[in-house]
Amino acid sequence: MKRGVLFLIGLFMWLPAAHGQAPFEQEVVNVGNTGLTITNAGFIGRSNVRNAPTGPPSFEYPLNSGIEHLFEAGLWIGAIRASDGATTVRTGAVTSSSGYSTGAAGYELYQLEPIRPRSSLPSSDFFSPRAVSQQDFLTAYSE
C-alpha cells in the first residue's frame, strides 16, 4: 500500500492591508518523506537552492536525499475588476536568479503576519483542536 503526505498551508489575503508589514519568515514542512519550504510572502521553495544546496529543502523528495524538485513557486491571484472589467493578476514569485527581495518586480505580495504553526498531534507543542493535519502553517499577506 502506498502512503501519501497531505500538505495544508493556510494562506490568507486581505485587501487592503489592515496593519503593518511583518518580517519575512520561512518554515519547513517535513512530515512524512517530503520537505518543502514555505514563506509568509506567498511563495514556496528556496529560490537560491541551486547556488546554496545546503540548508532547508526547497521541495525535496525523498527527504534528506538531496534531490530537489522545485526551484521556487508562487501563488497567483487573478480577478476581473467590477469597476472597469480589467483582468488583473498578482504574483507571489517570479523566475529570478537573484531570489526574493521585498518590493522587487514580480514579488507583489508582502507578509502581514508571522507564520503560525499548529498540529493535530496531542503530543505536539503546537497542538490545536482546530488543526487539520500533523503540521499546519498559517500566515497572512497582502498586495
Foldseek 3Di string as FASTA:
>chain_A
DDDDDDADEAEAEDPPFPDDFDDKDWDWDDPDQWIKIDILQFKIFAQQCVVPVDDGGRIDGRPPPSDHDDNMAGDKDWDQDPVPRDIDIQICDDNDSVTDDPPDPRRRKGFDFHKQWAACDPPDPRHDPPDDHGIYIHGYIYD
